[in-house]
């Protein structure tokens, strides 16, 4: 998908479902996938892409 307000940015949205007692393992899995993709902690943002687009308008 192309978001004109975020031109030039690549966004990845990664989700995982887990029960409360499985949250730690789910986060380990998510971080492993991000690591395989070459996404570092410095690349991560807490703001949603919809908020980023709205703020750019």
N, C-alpha and C. Protein backbone atom coordinates (compact mmCIF):
# COMPACT_ATOMS: atom_id res chain seq x y z
N UNK A 1 0.85 -1.16 0.00
CA UNK A 1 0.00 0.00 0.00
C UNK A 1 0.90 1.22 0.00
N UNK A 2 0.45 2.25 -0.65
CA UNK A 2 1.19 3.50 -0.70
C UNK A 2 0.45 4.54 0.13
N UNK A 3 1.18 5.20 0.99
CA UNK A 3 0.61 6.27 1.81
C UNK A 3 1.35 7.54 1.44
N UNK A 4 0.71 8.42 0.65
CA UNK A 4 1.41 9.61 0.15
C UNK A 4 2.07 10.44 1.25
N UNK A 5 1.44 10.57 2.39
CA UNK A 5 2.00 11.39 3.48
C UNK A 5 3.29 10.78 4.05
N UNK A 6 3.50 9.51 3.82
CA UNK A 6 4.69 8.83 4.36
C UNK A 6 5.62 8.40 3.23
N UNK A 7 5.65 9.19 2.18
CA UNK A 7 6.45 8.89 1.00
C UNK A 7 7.89 8.58 1.38
N UNK A 8 8.39 7.49 0.85
CA UNK A 8 9.78 7.10 1.08
C UNK A 8 10.00 6.25 2.31
N UNK A 9 8.96 5.99 3.07
CA UNK A 9 9.10 5.18 4.27
C UNK A 9 8.56 3.77 4.02
N UNK A 10 9.24 2.80 4.56
CA UNK A 10 8.77 1.42 4.50
C UNK A 10 8.25 1.06 5.88
N UNK A 11 7.03 0.55 5.91
CA UNK A 11 6.40 0.22 7.17
C UNK A 11 6.09 -1.27 7.23
N UNK A 12 6.34 -1.86 8.39
CA UNK A 12 6.01 -3.26 8.63
C UNK A 12 5.15 -3.30 9.88
N UNK A 13 4.00 -3.95 9.75
CA UNK A 13 3.14 -4.13 10.92
C UNK A 13 3.13 -5.62 11.21
N UNK A 14 3.60 -5.99 12.38
CA UNK A 14 3.72 -7.39 12.75
C UNK A 14 2.92 -7.61 14.02
N UNK A 15 2.03 -8.58 13.98
CA UNK A 15 1.17 -8.85 15.12
C UNK A 15 1.32 -10.29 15.57
N UNK A 16 1.03 -10.52 16.83
CA UNK A 16 1.02 -11.87 17.38
C UNK A 16 -0.08 -11.96 18.43
N UNK A 17 -0.76 -13.09 18.45
CA UNK A 17 -1.77 -13.32 19.48
C UNK A 17 -1.18 -14.23 20.55
N UNK A 18 -1.45 -13.88 21.80
CA UNK A 18 -0.92 -14.70 22.89
C UNK A 18 -1.79 -14.54 24.13
N UNK A 19 -1.86 -15.58 24.89
CA UNK A 19 -2.48 -15.50 26.21
C UNK A 19 -1.51 -14.76 27.12
N UNK A 20 -1.99 -14.17 28.20
CA UNK A 20 -1.10 -13.42 29.09
C UNK A 20 0.15 -14.20 29.52
N UNK A 21 -0.01 -15.49 29.78
CA UNK A 21 1.16 -16.26 30.21
C UNK A 21 2.09 -16.62 29.06
N UNK A 22 1.69 -16.34 27.82
CA UNK A 22 2.54 -16.61 26.67
C UNK A 22 3.10 -15.35 26.03
N UNK A 23 2.89 -14.21 26.68
CA UNK A 23 3.32 -12.94 26.11
C UNK A 23 4.83 -12.87 25.90
N UNK A 24 5.60 -13.32 26.88
CA UNK A 24 7.05 -13.26 26.76
C UNK A 24 7.53 -14.06 25.56
N UNK A 25 7.01 -15.26 25.37
CA UNK A 25 7.40 -16.09 24.23
C UNK A 25 6.97 -15.46 22.91
N UNK A 26 5.79 -14.84 22.90
CA UNK A 26 5.31 -14.19 21.69
C UNK A 26 6.22 -13.03 21.30
N UNK A 27 6.65 -12.25 22.28
CA UNK A 27 7.55 -11.13 22.00
C UNK A 27 8.90 -11.62 21.49
N UNK A 28 9.37 -12.72 22.02
CA UNK A 28 10.63 -13.31 21.54
C UNK A 28 10.47 -13.69 20.07
N UNK A 29 9.33 -14.27 19.72
CA UNK A 29 9.07 -14.66 18.33
C UNK A 29 9.00 -13.45 17.42
N UNK A 30 8.30 -12.41 17.85
CA UNK A 30 8.18 -11.19 17.04
C UNK A 30 9.55 -10.57 16.82
N UNK A 31 10.33 -10.49 17.88
CA UNK A 31 11.67 -9.91 17.75
C UNK A 31 12.56 -10.75 16.84
N UNK A 32 12.38 -12.07 16.85
CA UNK A 32 13.17 -12.94 15.97
C UNK A 32 12.82 -12.67 14.51
N UNK A 33 11.55 -12.50 14.21
CA UNK A 33 11.14 -12.19 12.83
C UNK A 33 11.71 -10.85 12.41
N UNK A 34 11.59 -9.85 13.27
CA UNK A 34 12.13 -8.53 12.94
C UNK A 34 13.64 -8.60 12.72
N UNK A 35 14.32 -9.38 13.53
CA UNK A 35 15.77 -9.56 13.38
C UNK A 35 16.10 -10.19 12.03
N UNK A 36 15.33 -11.20 11.62
CA UNK A 36 15.54 -11.84 10.32
C UNK A 36 15.35 -10.84 9.18
N UNK A 37 14.46 -9.87 9.37
CA UNK A 37 14.20 -8.86 8.36
C UNK A 37 15.20 -7.71 8.41
N UNK A 38 16.06 -7.72 9.41
CA UNK A 38 17.05 -6.66 9.54
C UNK A 38 16.52 -5.41 10.22
N UNK A 39 15.40 -5.54 10.90
CA UNK A 39 14.80 -4.41 11.61
C UNK A 39 15.38 -4.37 13.02
N UNK A 40 15.96 -3.23 13.38
CA UNK A 40 16.57 -3.08 14.70
C UNK A 40 15.67 -2.29 15.64
N UNK A 41 16.01 -2.24 16.89
CA UNK A 41 15.27 -1.44 17.87
C UNK A 41 15.24 0.03 17.45
N UNK A 42 16.31 0.50 16.82
CA UNK A 42 16.37 1.89 16.36
C UNK A 42 15.38 2.18 15.24
N UNK A 43 14.97 1.15 14.51
CA UNK A 43 14.01 1.31 13.42
C UNK A 43 12.57 1.37 13.91
N UNK A 44 12.32 0.84 15.07
CA UNK A 44 10.96 0.72 15.59
C UNK A 44 10.40 2.08 16.02
N UNK A 45 9.11 2.24 15.80
CA UNK A 45 8.40 3.42 16.26
C UNK A 45 7.18 2.97 17.04
N UNK A 46 6.78 3.76 18.02
CA UNK A 46 5.62 3.44 18.82
C UNK A 46 4.33 3.99 18.20
N UNK A 47 4.48 4.97 17.34
CA UNK A 47 3.32 5.62 16.73
C UNK A 47 2.78 4.76 15.58
N UNK A 48 1.46 4.65 15.47
CA UNK A 48 0.87 3.88 14.39
C UNK A 48 1.03 4.63 13.07
N UNK A 49 1.03 3.87 11.97
CA UNK A 49 1.20 4.53 10.67
C UNK A 49 0.02 5.44 10.36
N UNK A 50 -1.16 5.12 10.87
CA UNK A 50 -2.31 6.00 10.63
C UNK A 50 -2.13 7.33 11.35
N UNK A 51 -1.58 7.29 12.56
CA UNK A 51 -1.29 8.54 13.29
C UNK A 51 -0.18 9.32 12.60
N UNK A 52 0.83 8.62 12.10
CA UNK A 52 1.93 9.28 11.40
C UNK A 52 1.41 10.01 10.16
N UNK A 53 0.52 9.37 9.41
CA UNK A 53 -0.05 9.99 8.22
C UNK A 53 -0.91 11.19 8.59
N UNK A 54 -1.71 11.04 9.63
CA UNK A 54 -2.58 12.15 10.07
C UNK A 54 -1.75 13.34 10.53
N UNK A 55 -0.66 13.08 11.24
CA UNK A 55 0.20 14.16 11.73
C UNK A 55 0.97 14.84 10.59
N UNK A 56 1.16 14.15 9.48
CA UNK A 56 1.86 14.74 8.34
C UNK A 56 0.96 15.64 7.50
N UNK A 57 -0.34 15.54 7.73
CA UNK A 57 -1.30 16.35 6.93
C UNK A 57 -1.35 17.77 7.39
